[in-house]
Amino acid sequence: MLVLRRKIGQAIQINDDIRIVIQDVQNEHIVRIGIEAPAEIPVHRLEIYNLIQEENKSAGGAGALDWLKGASNGSDSDGNSDET
């Protein structure tokens, strides 16, 4: 892990298209940051990201696995063969 010290208004550049700017520091413990990134790069707080991952795991349960098994043997989503 890279650890950097920054002051209000200073930035950290990641690659060519992501910039993190220190916006404010309150009570020496709460840091407000701004993140500039392309729209196709999702940016979330870690706790929100973890919730999204859990939701994705739940949504991809047994029903999705059954669908994938059917797709691999030539059946459509209703289990019907697509052969004529």
C-alpha atoms as a PDB file:
ATOM      1  CA  MET A   1       0.000   0.000   0.000  1.00  0.00           C
ATOM      2  CA  LEU A   2       1.292   3.420  -0.926  1.00  0.00           C
ATOM      3  CA  VAL A   3       0.741   5.990   1.849  1.00  0.00           C
ATOM      4  CA  LEU A   4       0.913   9.690   0.945  1.00  0.00           C
ATOM      5  CA  ARG A   5       0.445  12.913   2.870  1.00  0.00           C
ATOM      6  CA  ARG A   6      -1.603  15.618   1.179  1.00  0.00           C
ATOM      7  CA  LYS A   7      -2.931  19.013   2.222  1.00  0.00           C
ATOM      8  CA  ILE A   8      -6.285  20.549   1.341  1.00  0.00           C
ATOM      9  CA  GLY A   9      -6.375  21.282  -2.385  1.00  0.00           C
ATOM     10  CA  GLN A  10      -3.574  18.867  -3.234  1.00  0.00           C
ATOM     11  CA  ALA A  11      -4.221  15.902  -5.504  1.00  0.00           C
ATOM     12  CA  ILE A  12      -3.141  12.361  -6.242  1.00  0.00           C
ATOM     13  CA  GLN A  13      -3.125  11.241  -9.873  1.00  0.00           C
ATOM     14  CA  ILE A  14      -3.789   7.583 -10.737  1.00  0.00           C
ATOM     15  CA  ASN A  15      -2.922   6.645 -14.292  1.00  0.00           C
ATOM     16  CA  ASP A  16      -4.024   9.210 -16.888  1.00  0.00           C
ATOM     17  CA  ASP A  17      -7.686   9.458 -15.969  1.00  0.00           C
ATOM     18  CA  ILE A  18      -8.242   9.299 -12.194  1.00  0.00           C
ATOM     19  CA  ARG A  19      -7.553  12.182  -9.831  1.00  0.00           C
ATOM     20  CA  ILE A  20      -8.196  12.283  -6.090  1.00  0.00           C
ATOM     21  CA  VAL A  21      -8.304  15.754  -4.510  1.00  0.00           C
ATOM     22  CA  ILE A  22      -8.319  16.514  -0.778  1.00  0.00           C
ATOM     23  CA  GLN A  23     -11.308  18.829  -0.281  1.00  0.00           C
ATOM     24  CA  ASP A  24     -11.473  19.318   3.485  1.00  0.00           C
ATOM     25  CA  VAL A  25     -10.234  17.960   6.809  1.00  0.00           C
ATOM     26  CA  GLN A  26     -12.521  18.220   9.849  1.00  0.00           C
ATOM     27  CA  ASN A  27     -11.491  17.560  13.453  1.00  0.00           C
ATOM     28  CA  GLU A  28      -8.191  16.094  12.198  1.00  0.00           C
ATOM     29  CA  HIS A  29      -9.952  12.752  11.548  1.00  0.00           C
ATOM     30  CA  ILE A  30     -12.577  13.259   8.860  1.00  0.00           C
ATOM     31  CA  VAL A  31     -11.233  13.811   5.363  1.00  0.00           C
ATOM     32  CA  ARG A  32     -13.471  14.892   2.497  1.00  0.00           C
ATOM     33  CA  ILE A  33     -12.111  13.889  -0.897  1.00  0.00           C
ATOM     34  CA  GLY A  34     -13.167  14.495  -4.466  1.00  0.00           C
ATOM     35  CA  ILE A  35     -12.650  11.841  -7.111  1.00  0.00           C
ATOM     36  CA  GLU A  36     -12.497  12.641 -10.813  1.00  0.00           C
ATOM     37  CA  ALA A  37     -12.803   9.537 -12.984  1.00  0.00           C
ATOM     38  CA  PRO A  38     -14.377   8.549 -16.308  1.00  0.00           C
ATOM     39  CA  ALA A  39     -18.055   7.593 -16.084  1.00  0.00           C
ATOM     40  CA  GLU A  40     -17.274   3.986 -17.034  1.00  0.00           C
ATOM     41  CA  ILE A  41     -15.142   3.532 -13.900  1.00  0.00           C
ATOM     42  CA  PRO A  42     -17.387   2.857 -10.900  1.00  0.00           C
ATOM     43  CA  VAL A  43     -16.356   4.676  -7.715  1.00  0.00           C
ATOM     44  CA  HIS A  44     -17.927   3.632  -4.400  1.00  0.00           C
ATOM     45  CA  ARG A  45     -17.205   3.788  -0.690  1.00  0.00           C
ATOM     46  CA  LEU A  46     -15.894   0.371   0.375  1.00  0.00           C
ATOM     47  CA  GLU A  47     -18.987  -0.505   2.411  1.00  0.00           C
ATOM     48  CA  ILE A  48     -21.232   0.248  -0.588  1.00  0.00           C
ATOM     49  CA  TYR A  49     -18.957  -1.730  -2.921  1.00  0.00           C
ATOM     50  CA  ASN A  50     -19.147  -4.728  -0.568  1.00  0.00           C
ATOM     51  CA  LEU A  51     -22.971  -4.513  -0.516  1.00  0.00           C
ATOM     52  CA  ILE A  52     -23.050  -4.427  -4.318  1.00  0.00           C
ATOM     53  CA  GLN A  53     -20.813  -7.503  -4.470  1.00  0.00           C
ATOM     54  CA  GLU A  54     -23.090  -9.377  -2.045  1.00  0.00           C
ATOM     55  CA  GLU A  55     -26.175  -8.388  -4.078  1.00  0.00           C
ATOM     56  CA  ASN A  56     -24.475  -9.602  -7.252  1.00  0.00           C
ATOM     57  CA  LYS A  57     -23.646 -12.939  -5.628  1.00  0.00           C
ATOM     58  CA  SER A  58     -27.259 -13.313  -4.458  1.00  0.00           C
ATOM     59  CA  ALA A  59     -28.645 -12.422  -7.886  1.00  0.00           C
ATOM     60  CA  GLY A  60     -26.404 -14.985  -9.561  1.00  0.00           C
ATOM     61  CA  GLY A  61     -27.783 -17.877  -7.525  1.00  0.00           C
ATOM     62  CA  ALA A  62     -28.964 -21.327  -8.601  1.00  0.00           C
ATOM     63  CA  GLY A  63     -31.413 -19.936 -11.174  1.00  0.00           C
ATOM     64  CA  ALA A  64     -28.579 -18.351 -13.138  1.00  0.00           C
ATOM     65  CA  LEU A  65     -26.516 -21.525 -12.861  1.00  0.00           C
ATOM     66  CA  ASP A  66     -29.415 -23.601 -14.227  1.00  0.00           C
ATOM     67  CA  TRP A  67     -29.823 -21.137 -17.097  1.00  0.00           C
ATOM     68  CA  LEU A  68     -26.115 -21.379 -17.935  1.00  0.00           C
ATOM     69  CA  LYS A  69     -26.259 -25.176 -17.897  1.00  0.00           C
ATOM     70  CA  GLY A  70     -29.236 -25.061 -20.279  1.00  0.00           C
ATOM     71  CA  ALA A  71     -27.466 -22.601 -22.574  1.00  0.00           C
ATOM     72  CA  SER A  72     -24.418 -24.825 -22.781  1.00  0.00           C
ATOM     73  CA  ASN A  73     -26.450 -27.838 -23.963  1.00  0.00           C
ATOM     74  CA  GLY A  74     -28.378 -25.990 -26.694  1.00  0.00           C
ATOM     75  CA  SER A  75     -31.572 -25.167 -24.769  1.00  0.00           C
ATOM     76  CA  ASP A  76     -33.177 -21.753 -24.577  1.00  0.00           C
ATOM     77  CA  SER A  77     -34.212 -20.079 -21.315  1.00  0.00           C
ATOM     78  CA  ASP A  78     -37.398 -22.207 -21.195  1.00  0.00           C
ATOM     79  CA  GLY A  79     -35.399 -25.414 -21.500  1.00  0.00           C
ATOM     80  CA  ASN A  80     -36.504 -25.957 -25.111  1.00  0.00           C
ATOM     81  CA  SER A  81     -33.947 -27.153 -27.603  1.00  0.00           C
ATOM     82  CA  ASP A  82     -33.077 -24.682 -30.335  1.00  0.00           C
ATOM     83  CA  GLU A  83     -32.503 -27.483 -32.835  1.00  0.00           C
ATOM     84  CA  THR A  84     -35.014 -27.818 -35.710  1.00  0.00           C
END
